N, C-alpha and C. Protein backbone atom coordinates (compact mmCIF):
# COMPACT_ATOMS: atom_id res chain seq x y z
N MET A 1 3.95 34.29 -15.43
CA MET A 1 5.67 34.06 -16.13
C MET A 1 5.65 33.31 -14.71
N ALA A 2 5.75 31.92 -14.47
CA ALA A 2 6.30 31.07 -13.12
C ALA A 2 8.19 31.51 -13.34
N GLY A 3 8.47 31.70 -11.79
CA GLY A 3 10.16 31.70 -11.71
C GLY A 3 10.44 30.63 -11.37
N ALA A 4 11.63 30.67 -10.89
CA ALA A 4 12.64 29.55 -10.88
C ALA A 4 12.35 28.35 -9.98
N VAL A 5 11.52 29.40 -9.01
CA VAL A 5 11.21 28.90 -7.17
C VAL A 5 9.85 27.46 -7.83
N ASP A 6 9.25 27.96 -8.82
CA ASP A 6 7.53 27.56 -9.23
C ASP A 6 8.16 26.43 -10.08
N ASP A 7 8.99 26.70 -11.37
CA ASP A 7 9.39 25.23 -11.92
C ASP A 7 10.53 24.72 -11.27
N TYR A 8 10.81 24.62 -9.72
CA TYR A 8 11.76 23.33 -9.16
C TYR A 8 10.22 22.69 -8.65
N VAL A 9 9.73 23.35 -7.85
CA VAL A 9 8.95 22.58 -7.35
C VAL A 9 8.02 21.72 -8.48
N GLN A 10 7.25 21.92 -9.26
CA GLN A 10 6.55 21.73 -10.60
C GLN A 10 7.59 20.28 -10.78
N ALA A 11 9.15 20.65 -11.21
CA ALA A 11 9.78 19.79 -11.66
C ALA A 11 9.42 18.89 -10.36
N LEU A 12 9.98 19.08 -9.34
CA LEU A 12 9.98 18.15 -8.30
C LEU A 12 8.62 17.18 -7.82
N ALA A 13 7.66 18.16 -8.09
CA ALA A 13 6.15 17.22 -7.68
C ALA A 13 5.71 16.61 -8.73
N GLY A 14 5.89 16.26 -10.49
CA GLY A 14 6.08 15.56 -11.17
C GLY A 14 6.69 14.10 -11.09
N ARG A 15 7.90 14.29 -10.18
CA ARG A 15 8.68 12.92 -9.70
C ARG A 15 7.93 12.13 -8.67
N LEU A 16 7.41 12.68 -8.16
CA LEU A 16 6.84 11.96 -6.66
C LEU A 16 5.81 11.70 -7.08
N ARG A 17 5.04 9.63 -6.38
CA ARG A 17 3.97 9.96 -6.34
C ARG A 17 3.74 8.77 -4.59
N GLY A 18 2.46 9.17 -4.44
CA GLY A 18 2.60 8.54 -2.84
C GLY A 18 0.95 8.88 -2.45
N PRO A 19 0.56 8.89 -0.92
CA PRO A 19 -0.18 9.67 -0.37
C PRO A 19 -0.39 11.09 -0.97
N GLY A 20 -1.63 11.51 -1.17
CA GLY A 20 -1.76 13.10 -1.43
C GLY A 20 -0.86 14.26 -0.43
N ARG A 21 -1.76 14.01 0.86
CA ARG A 21 -1.70 14.43 1.60
C ARG A 21 -0.17 14.80 2.18
N LEU A 22 0.61 13.45 2.46
CA LEU A 22 1.97 13.55 2.55
C LEU A 22 3.13 14.56 1.57
N ARG A 23 2.59 13.81 0.11
CA ARG A 23 3.15 14.48 -0.75
C ARG A 23 3.09 15.87 -1.13
N ASP A 24 1.93 16.63 -0.38
CA ASP A 24 1.32 18.02 -0.38
C ASP A 24 2.31 18.85 0.28
N GLY A 25 2.72 18.08 1.83
CA GLY A 25 2.98 18.82 2.78
C GLY A 25 4.67 19.12 2.14
N MET A 26 5.09 17.96 1.64
CA MET A 26 6.41 17.82 1.19
C MET A 26 6.81 19.13 0.29
N LEU A 27 6.00 18.83 -0.77
CA LEU A 27 6.05 20.10 -2.02
C LEU A 27 5.72 21.45 -1.26
N THR A 28 5.14 21.53 0.06
CA THR A 28 4.89 23.07 0.63
C THR A 28 6.10 23.47 1.44
N GLU A 29 6.88 22.58 1.85
CA GLU A 29 7.70 22.58 2.86
C GLU A 29 8.65 23.45 2.07
N VAL A 30 9.05 22.73 0.81
CA VAL A 30 10.10 22.76 -0.32
C VAL A 30 10.14 24.06 -0.63
N ARG A 31 8.58 24.51 -1.17
CA ARG A 31 8.62 26.01 -1.69
C ARG A 31 8.69 26.84 -0.54
N GLU A 32 8.32 26.68 0.70
CA GLU A 32 8.32 27.44 1.53
C GLU A 32 10.02 28.05 2.08
N ALA A 33 10.81 26.77 1.77
CA ALA A 33 12.38 26.67 2.10
C ALA A 33 12.98 27.73 0.92
N LEU A 34 12.18 27.63 -0.33
CA LEU A 34 12.75 28.19 -1.54
C LEU A 34 12.51 29.95 -1.13
N THR A 35 11.31 30.05 -0.70
CA THR A 35 11.05 31.73 -0.70
C THR A 35 12.05 31.91 0.36
N ASP A 36 11.55 31.78 1.54
CA ASP A 36 12.51 32.07 2.30
C ASP A 36 13.95 32.06 2.28
N ALA A 37 14.96 31.47 1.36
CA ALA A 37 16.08 31.30 0.90
C ALA A 37 16.08 32.79 -0.57
N ALA A 38 14.82 32.57 -1.18
CA ALA A 38 14.81 34.19 -2.28
C ALA A 38 14.86 35.21 -1.59
N ASP A 39 13.80 35.14 -0.46
CA ASP A 39 13.68 36.15 0.31
C ASP A 39 15.03 36.78 0.86
N ALA A 40 16.09 36.01 1.41
CA ALA A 40 17.19 36.38 1.72
C ALA A 40 18.10 36.91 1.16
N TYR A 41 17.97 36.68 -0.04
CA TYR A 41 18.71 37.30 -1.20
C TYR A 41 18.42 38.17 -1.94
N ARG A 42 16.96 38.65 -1.89
CA ARG A 42 16.43 40.22 -2.36
C ARG A 42 17.04 41.21 -1.24
N ASP A 43 16.68 40.57 0.18
CA ASP A 43 17.39 41.58 1.41
C ASP A 43 18.57 41.74 0.74
N ALA A 44 19.54 40.95 0.09
CA ALA A 44 20.97 41.32 0.35
C ALA A 44 21.01 41.92 -1.01
N GLY A 45 20.24 43.04 -1.56
CA GLY A 45 20.26 43.50 -2.62
C GLY A 45 20.28 42.92 -4.12
N LEU A 46 19.72 41.51 -4.26
CA LEU A 46 19.74 40.94 -5.86
C LEU A 46 18.47 40.95 -6.36
N ILE A 47 18.27 41.33 -7.60
CA ILE A 47 16.63 41.21 -7.76
C ILE A 47 16.50 40.25 -7.83
N ALA A 48 14.95 40.07 -7.68
CA ALA A 48 13.39 38.60 -8.15
C ALA A 48 14.27 37.64 -8.27
N VAL A 49 14.40 37.69 -9.98
CA VAL A 49 15.08 36.55 -10.76
C VAL A 49 16.29 36.08 -10.11
N GLU A 50 16.98 36.81 -9.86
CA GLU A 50 18.39 36.06 -9.72
C GLU A 50 18.06 35.51 -8.25
N ALA A 51 17.82 36.28 -7.19
CA ALA A 51 17.23 36.18 -6.09
C ALA A 51 17.17 34.11 -5.74
N GLU A 52 16.38 34.26 -6.89
CA GLU A 52 15.17 32.84 -6.61
C GLU A 52 16.21 32.16 -7.69
N ASP A 53 17.15 32.35 -8.46
CA ASP A 53 17.79 31.57 -8.85
C ASP A 53 18.25 30.76 -8.18
N ARG A 54 19.38 31.93 -7.19
CA ARG A 54 20.44 31.81 -6.09
C ARG A 54 19.94 30.69 -5.29
N ALA A 55 18.71 31.01 -4.77
CA ALA A 55 17.79 30.23 -4.01
C ALA A 55 18.10 28.58 -4.75
N VAL A 56 17.30 28.35 -5.71
CA VAL A 56 17.36 26.91 -6.24
C VAL A 56 18.40 25.94 -6.45
N ALA A 57 19.86 27.65 -7.12
CA ALA A 57 20.86 26.54 -6.97
C ALA A 57 21.57 25.89 -5.61
N ASP A 58 20.93 26.50 -4.73
CA ASP A 58 21.38 26.41 -3.08
C ASP A 58 20.60 24.86 -2.82
N PHE A 59 19.72 25.29 -3.27
CA PHE A 59 19.09 23.89 -2.64
C PHE A 59 19.33 22.02 -3.50
N GLY A 60 20.04 22.05 -4.87
CA GLY A 60 20.52 21.37 -5.56
C GLY A 60 19.59 20.71 -6.42
N PRO A 61 19.79 19.96 -7.45
CA PRO A 61 19.41 19.00 -7.99
C PRO A 61 18.21 18.63 -7.48
N VAL A 62 17.17 18.09 -8.51
CA VAL A 62 15.73 17.93 -8.01
C VAL A 62 16.05 16.15 -8.01
N ARG A 63 16.63 16.02 -9.17
CA ARG A 63 16.41 14.24 -8.78
C ARG A 63 17.10 13.51 -7.38
N PRO A 64 18.49 14.07 -6.96
CA PRO A 64 18.45 13.74 -5.63
C PRO A 64 17.14 13.67 -4.50
N LEU A 65 16.70 14.64 -4.14
CA LEU A 65 15.64 15.09 -3.47
C LEU A 65 14.63 14.03 -3.51
N ALA A 66 14.22 14.36 -5.01
CA ALA A 66 12.87 13.24 -5.47
C ALA A 66 13.20 11.72 -5.16
N ARG A 67 14.30 11.67 -4.83
CA ARG A 67 14.09 10.02 -4.97
C ARG A 67 14.63 9.93 -3.24
N GLU A 68 14.83 11.15 -2.35
CA GLU A 68 14.63 10.88 -0.91
C GLU A 68 13.08 11.21 -0.58
N PHE A 69 12.28 11.94 -1.16
CA PHE A 69 11.01 12.11 -0.59
C PHE A 69 10.25 10.81 -1.12
N GLN A 70 10.54 10.55 -2.43
CA GLN A 70 9.96 9.25 -3.07
C GLN A 70 10.17 7.87 -1.82
N GLU A 71 11.24 8.13 -1.27
CA GLU A 71 11.32 6.75 -0.06
C GLU A 71 10.14 6.88 0.83
N VAL A 72 10.25 7.86 1.11
CA VAL A 72 9.15 8.17 2.66
C VAL A 72 7.63 8.29 1.63
N LEU A 73 7.51 8.44 0.74
CA LEU A 73 6.31 8.38 0.53
C LEU A 73 5.88 6.59 0.13
N ALA A 74 7.02 5.79 -0.79
CA ALA A 74 6.84 4.30 -0.75
C ALA A 74 6.38 4.05 1.07
N ALA A 75 7.13 4.34 1.79
CA ALA A 75 7.14 3.91 2.90
C ALA A 75 5.83 3.81 3.20
N ALA A 76 4.97 5.08 3.56
CA ALA A 76 3.74 5.25 3.88
C ALA A 76 2.90 4.70 2.77
N ARG A 77 3.23 4.64 1.65
CA ARG A 77 2.04 3.61 0.69
C ARG A 77 1.59 2.12 1.49
N GLY A 78 3.28 1.70 1.31
CA GLY A 78 3.84 0.62 2.19
C GLY A 78 2.78 0.34 3.29
N ARG A 79 2.89 1.27 4.47
CA ARG A 79 1.96 1.36 5.73
C ARG A 79 0.52 1.26 5.38
N ARG A 80 0.11 1.74 4.60
CA ARG A 80 -1.38 1.64 4.21
C ARG A 80 -2.01 0.08 3.87
N THR A 81 -0.96 0.10 2.89
CA THR A 81 -1.42 -1.12 1.84
C THR A 81 -1.41 -2.80 3.13
N ALA A 82 -0.16 -2.65 3.87
CA ALA A 82 0.28 -3.36 5.25
C ALA A 82 -1.41 -3.48 5.81
N TRP A 83 -1.58 -2.19 6.05
CA TRP A 83 -3.07 -1.68 7.33
C TRP A 83 -4.38 -2.77 6.54
N LEU A 84 -4.25 -2.16 5.38
CA LEU A 84 -5.33 -2.59 4.37
C LEU A 84 -5.39 -3.97 4.06
N LEU A 85 -4.78 -4.30 4.11
CA LEU A 85 -4.45 -6.04 3.59
C LEU A 85 -5.17 -6.67 5.20
N LEU A 86 -4.44 -6.09 6.19
CA LEU A 86 -4.74 -7.20 7.45
C LEU A 86 -5.98 -6.75 7.59
N ALA A 87 -7.01 -5.18 7.59
CA ALA A 87 -8.22 -5.35 8.17
C ALA A 87 -9.18 -6.06 7.03
N VAL A 88 -8.60 -5.90 5.74
CA VAL A 88 -9.51 -6.97 4.79
C VAL A 88 -9.97 -7.94 5.48
N LEU A 89 -8.51 -8.96 5.19
CA LEU A 89 -8.43 -10.30 5.14
C LEU A 89 -8.77 -10.76 6.91
N GLY A 90 -8.61 -9.94 7.45
CA GLY A 90 -8.98 -10.33 9.34
C GLY A 90 -10.87 -10.19 9.01
N ILE A 91 -11.24 -9.04 8.26
CA ILE A 91 -13.00 -9.48 8.83
C ILE A 91 -12.71 -10.75 7.58
N HIS A 92 -12.72 -10.32 6.68
CA HIS A 92 -12.93 -11.72 6.16
C HIS A 92 -12.93 -13.07 6.44
N TYR A 93 -11.97 -13.33 7.07
CA TYR A 93 -11.73 -14.74 7.80
C TYR A 93 -12.53 -14.39 9.15
N GLY A 94 -12.26 -13.81 9.49
CA GLY A 94 -13.53 -14.10 10.94
C GLY A 94 -14.94 -14.01 10.64
N LEU A 95 -15.58 -13.50 9.42
CA LEU A 95 -16.90 -13.38 9.01
C LEU A 95 -17.00 -14.72 8.67
N SER A 96 -16.37 -15.45 8.01
CA SER A 96 -15.83 -16.72 7.65
C SER A 96 -16.42 -18.01 8.91
N GLU A 97 -15.50 -17.65 9.94
CA GLU A 97 -15.73 -18.61 10.87
C GLU A 97 -16.56 -18.40 11.18
N LEU A 98 -17.10 -17.29 11.58
CA LEU A 98 -18.09 -17.36 12.30
C LEU A 98 -19.62 -17.66 11.72
N ILE A 99 -19.62 -17.15 10.27
CA ILE A 99 -20.63 -17.94 9.89
C ILE A 99 -20.76 -19.86 9.73
N GLY A 100 -19.53 -20.24 9.38
CA GLY A 100 -19.31 -21.25 9.55
C GLY A 100 -19.61 -22.24 10.87
N ARG A 101 -19.66 -21.47 12.20
CA ARG A 101 -19.94 -22.07 13.75
C ARG A 101 -21.36 -21.64 13.93
N MET A 102 -22.10 -20.78 13.16
CA MET A 102 -23.45 -20.36 13.44
C MET A 102 -24.66 -21.07 12.49
N THR A 103 -23.84 -21.70 11.32
CA THR A 103 -25.06 -22.49 10.09
C THR A 103 -24.38 -24.04 9.93
N ASP A 104 -25.33 -24.33 9.99
CA ASP A 104 -25.06 -26.07 10.08
C ASP A 104 -24.84 -26.34 8.13
N TRP A 105 -23.62 -26.61 8.24
CA TRP A 105 -22.60 -26.47 7.18
C TRP A 105 -22.81 -28.04 6.32
N GLN A 106 -23.39 -29.38 7.57
CA GLN A 106 -23.19 -30.65 7.28
C GLN A 106 -24.88 -30.98 6.16
N ALA A 107 -25.80 -29.81 7.19
CA ALA A 107 -26.93 -29.83 6.15
C ALA A 107 -26.95 -29.52 4.68
N ASP A 108 -26.18 -28.55 3.86
CA ASP A 108 -26.17 -28.22 3.03
C ASP A 108 -25.52 -29.59 2.19
N TRP A 109 -24.87 -30.44 2.50
CA TRP A 109 -24.11 -31.62 2.08
C TRP A 109 -25.12 -33.02 2.18
N GLY A 110 -26.53 -32.82 2.88
CA GLY A 110 -27.33 -33.95 2.83
C GLY A 110 -26.88 -35.16 3.09
N SER A 111 -27.09 -35.73 2.36
CA SER A 111 -26.91 -36.91 3.01
C SER A 111 -24.81 -37.76 1.94
N ALA A 112 -24.62 -36.52 1.32
CA ALA A 112 -23.46 -37.13 0.92
C ALA A 112 -22.57 -36.67 1.49
N GLU A 113 -21.19 -37.61 1.65
CA GLU A 113 -20.03 -36.21 2.46
C GLU A 113 -18.85 -35.87 1.78
N PRO A 114 -18.35 -34.85 2.34
CA PRO A 114 -17.50 -34.09 1.74
C PRO A 114 -16.43 -34.86 1.32
N SER A 115 -15.31 -35.17 -0.08
CA SER A 115 -14.33 -35.50 -0.38
C SER A 115 -12.96 -35.55 0.22
N ALA A 116 -12.59 -36.41 0.11
CA ALA A 116 -11.75 -36.26 1.24
C ALA A 116 -10.32 -34.79 0.41
N LEU A 117 -10.64 -35.06 -0.96
CA LEU A 117 -10.01 -33.81 -1.19
C LEU A 117 -10.35 -32.96 -1.13
N TYR A 118 -11.79 -32.61 -0.96
CA TYR A 118 -12.50 -30.87 -0.34
C TYR A 118 -12.09 -30.63 0.57
N LEU A 119 -11.89 -31.69 1.66
CA LEU A 119 -11.48 -31.46 2.86
C LEU A 119 -10.13 -31.34 3.11
N GLY A 120 -9.51 -32.04 2.25
CA GLY A 120 -8.00 -31.47 2.52
C GLY A 120 -7.76 -30.19 2.10
N PHE A 121 -8.70 -29.46 0.88
CA PHE A 121 -8.15 -28.25 0.19
C PHE A 121 -8.74 -27.42 1.26
N ALA A 122 -9.95 -28.01 2.18
CA ALA A 122 -10.64 -26.66 2.81
C ALA A 122 -9.82 -26.38 4.08
N ARG A 123 -8.82 -27.64 4.51
CA ARG A 123 -7.61 -27.45 5.91
C ARG A 123 -6.51 -26.73 5.19
N CYS A 124 -6.26 -26.90 3.80
CA CYS A 124 -5.21 -25.83 3.48
C CYS A 124 -5.42 -24.18 3.27
N THR A 125 -6.22 -24.20 2.97
CA THR A 125 -6.77 -22.89 2.68
C THR A 125 -6.84 -22.24 3.98
N ASP A 126 -7.66 -23.00 5.12
CA ASP A 126 -7.39 -22.43 6.65
C ASP A 126 -6.36 -22.05 6.85
N LEU A 127 -4.94 -22.63 6.13
CA LEU A 127 -3.57 -22.41 7.01
C LEU A 127 -3.18 -21.57 6.07
N PHE A 128 -3.44 -21.53 4.97
CA PHE A 128 -3.18 -20.32 4.21
C PHE A 128 -3.82 -18.98 4.36
N VAL A 129 -4.66 -19.18 5.26
CA VAL A 129 -5.40 -17.55 5.69
C VAL A 129 -4.22 -16.76 6.67
N GLN A 130 -4.25 -18.46 7.58
CA GLN A 130 -4.12 -17.94 9.02
C GLN A 130 -2.07 -17.55 8.86
N VAL A 131 -1.26 -18.05 8.18
CA VAL A 131 0.07 -17.59 7.56
C VAL A 131 -0.33 -16.12 6.82
N ALA A 132 -1.46 -16.12 6.06
CA ALA A 132 -1.75 -15.07 5.57
C ALA A 132 -1.20 -13.82 6.51
N LEU A 133 -2.49 -13.96 7.39
CA LEU A 133 -2.79 -13.35 8.55
C LEU A 133 -1.68 -12.56 9.75
N ALA A 134 -0.76 -13.79 9.86
CA ALA A 134 0.35 -13.76 10.73
C ALA A 134 1.31 -12.76 10.04
N ALA A 135 1.19 -13.20 8.31
CA ALA A 135 2.39 -12.76 7.59
C ALA A 135 2.24 -10.92 7.42
N ALA A 136 0.63 -10.63 7.81
CA ALA A 136 0.12 -9.54 7.54
C ALA A 136 0.59 -8.79 8.52
N ILE A 137 0.26 -9.23 9.64
CA ILE A 137 0.71 -8.05 11.01
C ILE A 137 1.75 -8.30 11.13
N ALA A 138 2.79 -9.24 10.33
CA ALA A 138 3.86 -8.92 10.08
C ALA A 138 4.86 -7.62 8.91
N ALA A 139 3.83 -7.70 8.54
CA ALA A 139 4.16 -6.22 7.39
C ALA A 139 4.17 -5.19 8.16
N VAL A 140 2.28 -5.26 8.90
CA VAL A 140 2.15 -3.99 9.41
C VAL A 140 3.52 -3.67 10.63
N VAL A 141 3.97 -4.43 11.62
CA VAL A 141 4.84 -3.99 12.53
C VAL A 141 6.40 -3.68 11.48
N ALA A 142 6.35 -4.13 10.83
CA ALA A 142 7.73 -4.15 9.87
C ALA A 142 8.12 -2.56 9.15
N MET A 143 6.49 -2.34 8.59
CA MET A 143 6.55 -1.20 7.85
C MET A 143 6.38 0.24 8.52
N GLY A 144 6.05 -0.22 10.43
CA GLY A 144 6.04 1.17 11.11
C GLY A 144 7.11 1.00 12.32
N TRP A 145 6.79 0.39 13.41
CA TRP A 145 8.38 0.12 14.18
C TRP A 145 9.49 -0.35 13.40
N GLY A 146 9.45 -1.08 12.54
CA GLY A 146 11.21 -1.61 11.86
C GLY A 146 11.52 -0.51 10.80
N THR A 147 10.58 0.08 10.00
CA THR A 147 11.21 1.37 9.86
C THR A 147 12.05 2.02 10.66
N ARG A 148 11.30 2.57 11.82
CA ARG A 148 11.49 3.91 13.02
C ARG A 148 12.86 2.67 13.26
N ARG A 149 12.98 2.00 13.71
CA ARG A 149 14.50 1.55 14.42
C ARG A 149 14.93 1.14 13.42
N LEU A 150 15.18 0.52 12.15
CA LEU A 150 15.82 0.00 11.21
C LEU A 150 16.09 0.67 10.22
N GLY A 151 15.52 1.60 9.78
CA GLY A 151 15.69 2.77 8.88
C GLY A 151 15.06 1.76 7.83
N LEU A 152 14.59 2.98 6.96
CA LEU A 152 13.96 2.54 5.57
C LEU A 152 14.81 1.80 5.15
N ARG A 153 13.72 0.68 4.40
CA ARG A 153 14.44 -0.27 3.13
C ARG A 153 12.56 -0.33 2.18
N LEU A 154 13.68 -0.57 1.31
CA LEU A 154 12.49 -0.43 -0.11
C LEU A 154 12.17 -1.79 -0.20
N THR A 155 13.21 -2.78 0.13
CA THR A 155 12.60 -4.40 -0.06
C THR A 155 11.50 -4.52 1.26
N LEU A 156 11.23 -3.92 1.77
CA LEU A 156 10.27 -4.03 2.95
C LEU A 156 9.10 -3.51 2.17
N VAL A 157 8.98 -2.59 1.46
CA VAL A 157 7.85 -1.80 0.35
C VAL A 157 7.47 -2.67 -0.34
N ARG A 158 8.43 -3.28 -1.00
CA ARG A 158 7.99 -4.04 -2.47
C ARG A 158 7.47 -5.75 -1.77
N ALA A 159 8.38 -6.03 -0.52
CA ALA A 159 7.72 -7.06 -0.22
C ALA A 159 6.08 -7.20 0.45
N THR A 160 5.85 -5.88 1.13
CA THR A 160 4.30 -5.71 1.50
C THR A 160 3.59 -5.89 0.06
N ALA A 161 4.03 -5.10 -0.94
CA ALA A 161 3.01 -5.55 -2.36
C ALA A 161 3.07 -6.73 -2.30
N ALA A 162 3.94 -7.36 -2.39
CA ALA A 162 3.79 -8.79 -3.06
C ALA A 162 3.23 -10.00 -2.28
N LEU A 163 3.02 -9.69 -1.13
CA LEU A 163 2.51 -10.38 0.18
C LEU A 163 0.91 -9.87 -0.62
N SER A 164 0.73 -8.73 -0.48
CA SER A 164 -0.76 -8.63 -0.16
C SER A 164 -1.20 -8.82 -1.61
N THR A 165 -0.72 -8.80 -2.77
CA THR A 165 -0.84 -9.48 -3.87
C THR A 165 -1.47 -11.04 -3.92
N LEU A 166 -0.35 -11.62 -3.45
CA LEU A 166 -0.49 -13.08 -3.45
C LEU A 166 -1.71 -13.56 -2.68
N THR A 167 -1.35 -12.71 -1.62
CA THR A 167 -2.52 -13.20 -0.67
C THR A 167 -3.89 -13.04 -1.08
N VAL A 168 -4.36 -11.66 -1.51
CA VAL A 168 -5.61 -11.40 -2.56
C VAL A 168 -5.77 -12.48 -2.99
N LEU A 169 -5.18 -12.82 -4.66
CA LEU A 169 -5.17 -13.90 -5.27
C LEU A 169 -5.54 -15.26 -4.29
N GLY A 170 -4.85 -15.60 -3.67
CA GLY A 170 -4.50 -16.69 -3.45
C GLY A 170 -6.02 -17.02 -2.33
N ALA A 171 -6.70 -15.95 -1.56
CA ALA A 171 -8.26 -16.02 -0.65
C ALA A 171 -8.76 -16.44 -1.63
N VAL A 172 -9.22 -15.36 -2.70
CA VAL A 172 -10.22 -15.53 -3.49
C VAL A 172 -10.11 -16.46 -4.23
N THR A 173 -9.39 -17.17 -4.68
CA THR A 173 -8.96 -18.27 -5.28
C THR A 173 -9.83 -19.58 -4.61
N ALA A 174 -9.09 -19.48 -3.40
CA ALA A 174 -9.46 -20.68 -3.00
C ALA A 174 -10.82 -20.99 -2.40
N GLY A 175 -10.88 -19.62 -1.97
CA GLY A 175 -13.01 -19.12 -1.37
C GLY A 175 -13.77 -19.32 -2.40
N THR A 176 -13.19 -18.89 -3.82
CA THR A 176 -14.36 -19.51 -4.83
C THR A 176 -14.26 -20.96 -4.83
N LEU A 177 -13.31 -21.49 -5.08
CA LEU A 177 -13.06 -23.12 -5.17
C LEU A 177 -14.33 -23.31 -4.77
N LEU A 178 -13.90 -23.63 -3.07
CA LEU A 178 -14.40 -23.92 -1.86
C LEU A 178 -15.85 -24.03 -2.56
N THR A 179 -16.89 -22.73 -2.73
CA THR A 179 -18.26 -22.31 -2.49
C THR A 179 -18.55 -22.77 -4.23
N LEU A 180 -17.94 -22.87 -5.02
CA LEU A 180 -18.44 -23.43 -6.39
C LEU A 180 -18.44 -25.25 -6.01
N PHE A 181 -17.40 -25.92 -5.80
CA PHE A 181 -17.46 -27.23 -5.16
C PHE A 181 -18.52 -28.14 -4.13
N ALA A 182 -19.06 -26.49 -2.97
CA ALA A 182 -20.33 -27.50 -2.46
C ALA A 182 -21.43 -27.53 -2.98
N PRO A 183 -21.83 -28.48 -2.34
CA PRO A 183 -23.31 -29.05 -3.44
C PRO A 183 -24.29 -28.25 -3.46
N THR A 184 -24.18 -26.66 -2.68
CA THR A 184 -25.06 -25.71 -3.16
C THR A 184 -24.12 -24.65 -3.43
N GLY A 185 -23.15 -24.89 -4.22
CA GLY A 185 -22.64 -24.00 -4.73
C GLY A 185 -22.88 -22.80 -5.38
N SER A 186 -22.41 -21.64 -4.75
CA SER A 186 -22.18 -20.36 -5.81
C SER A 186 -21.44 -19.64 -5.14
N ALA A 187 -20.97 -18.63 -6.22
CA ALA A 187 -19.79 -17.72 -5.37
C ALA A 187 -20.30 -16.24 -5.56
N ALA A 188 -21.51 -16.34 -5.53
CA ALA A 188 -22.70 -14.96 -5.27
C ALA A 188 -21.98 -14.32 -3.81
N GLY A 189 -21.84 -15.70 -2.66
CA GLY A 189 -20.83 -14.50 -1.61
C GLY A 189 -19.85 -13.82 -1.78
N GLU A 190 -18.43 -15.11 -2.48
CA GLU A 190 -17.37 -14.19 -2.72
C GLU A 190 -17.45 -13.17 -3.52
N LEU A 191 -18.78 -12.83 -4.55
CA LEU A 191 -18.71 -11.28 -4.65
C LEU A 191 -19.09 -10.20 -4.04
N LEU A 192 -18.98 -9.98 -3.30
CA LEU A 192 -19.10 -9.08 -2.31
C LEU A 192 -18.36 -8.56 -1.70
N TRP A 193 -16.89 -9.37 -1.61
CA TRP A 193 -15.84 -9.24 -0.89
C TRP A 193 -14.79 -8.64 -2.72
N ILE A 194 -15.43 -8.68 -3.77
CA ILE A 194 -14.77 -7.94 -5.01
C ILE A 194 -14.41 -6.95 -4.82
N ALA A 195 -14.63 -5.32 -4.29
CA ALA A 195 -14.33 -4.15 -4.20
C ALA A 195 -13.28 -4.02 -3.03
N PRO A 196 -13.63 -5.04 -1.88
CA PRO A 196 -12.30 -4.99 -0.43
C PRO A 196 -11.21 -5.27 -1.28
N PHE A 197 -11.14 -6.92 -1.89
CA PHE A 197 -10.36 -7.29 -1.93
C PHE A 197 -9.51 -6.76 -3.02
N ALA A 198 -10.40 -5.96 -4.25
CA ALA A 198 -9.79 -4.71 -5.52
C ALA A 198 -9.06 -4.32 -4.54
N ALA A 199 -9.52 -3.30 -3.77
CA ALA A 199 -8.83 -2.19 -3.43
C ALA A 199 -7.54 -2.92 -2.95
N VAL A 200 -7.24 -4.13 -1.77
CA VAL A 200 -5.84 -4.51 -1.52
C VAL A 200 -5.60 -4.08 -3.12
N LEU A 201 -6.11 -4.77 -3.60
CA LEU A 201 -4.45 -5.12 -4.92
C LEU A 201 -4.38 -3.75 -5.54
N VAL A 202 -5.23 -2.55 -5.72
CA VAL A 202 -4.82 -1.15 -6.20
C VAL A 202 -3.91 -0.90 -5.54
N SER A 203 -4.01 -1.01 -4.04
CA SER A 203 -3.42 -0.40 -2.87
C SER A 203 -1.64 -1.12 -2.92
N ALA A 204 -1.61 -1.84 -3.38
CA ALA A 204 -0.37 -2.70 -3.44
C ALA A 204 0.46 -2.20 -4.93
N TRP A 205 -0.42 -2.16 -5.78
CA TRP A 205 -0.09 -2.32 -7.26
C TRP A 205 0.90 -0.34 -6.86
N ARG A 206 0.19 0.21 -6.69
CA ARG A 206 0.30 1.95 -6.27
C ARG A 206 2.03 1.23 -5.38
N THR A 207 1.91 0.78 -4.38
CA THR A 207 2.87 0.61 -3.18
C THR A 207 4.17 0.14 -4.16
N TRP A 208 3.86 -0.92 -5.00
CA TRP A 208 5.07 -1.32 -5.75
C TRP A 208 5.92 -0.57 -6.94
N TYR A 209 4.57 0.51 -7.21
CA TYR A 209 4.68 1.55 -8.34
C TYR A 209 5.78 2.30 -7.50
N ALA A 210 5.33 3.10 -6.39
CA ALA A 210 6.20 4.18 -5.44
C ALA A 210 7.75 3.31 -5.16
N ALA A 211 7.48 2.77 -4.74
CA ALA A 211 9.07 1.98 -4.53
C ALA A 211 9.97 1.67 -5.89
N ARG A 212 9.34 1.18 -6.62
CA ARG A 212 10.01 1.60 -8.19
C ARG A 212 10.35 2.73 -8.43
N LEU A 213 9.93 3.70 -8.15
CA LEU A 213 10.62 5.34 -8.17
C LEU A 213 11.31 5.47 -7.56
N ALA A 214 11.26 5.02 -6.46
CA ALA A 214 12.55 5.62 -5.44
C ALA A 214 13.96 5.00 -5.74
N ALA A 215 14.12 3.63 -6.40
CA ALA A 215 15.07 2.91 -6.41
C ALA A 215 16.17 3.74 -7.39
């Protein structure tokens, strides 16, 4: 039969969402602290059940502690998302630029010329990705150095999740349209990026959810 310590840790675990290793470490620390407190009460003469009950009572309600831990977990998830966004977007942009420089894109158009609308959209896409890369770098800094210097801000966590989602949707949509409307249009190249971009979206959703639980 589970005791008060086990019940407390299980109740806390049910409220926490975030990186598994960090979450498990938090729960282990809580269990060890409660066990040490219960052992001290047993040494003072209380029976095991009373000792655990007293240790849990001293520790306080689950909800406030869960909120405090969840803020840390949300920040950790936000840092992962920021780094993942920067890595995927940076590699995608770098490879696109490299392929563009190594191949003769004019040969694909033949005698035709890209329309002004197409060229304008291409320039806007490049600008969007460059701004998104700068924003991703800012998110990495904010979720790392920023939280250590300025304190944890759930607003930064939510902003990182929103930035990642909008960036992925914008980059995939723009890249697909540019490819489809080229003379040799095919979105097959963009399909290769479904898994990496999907990973960013999943991470962004988990970040948003973790931040919501901490609110």
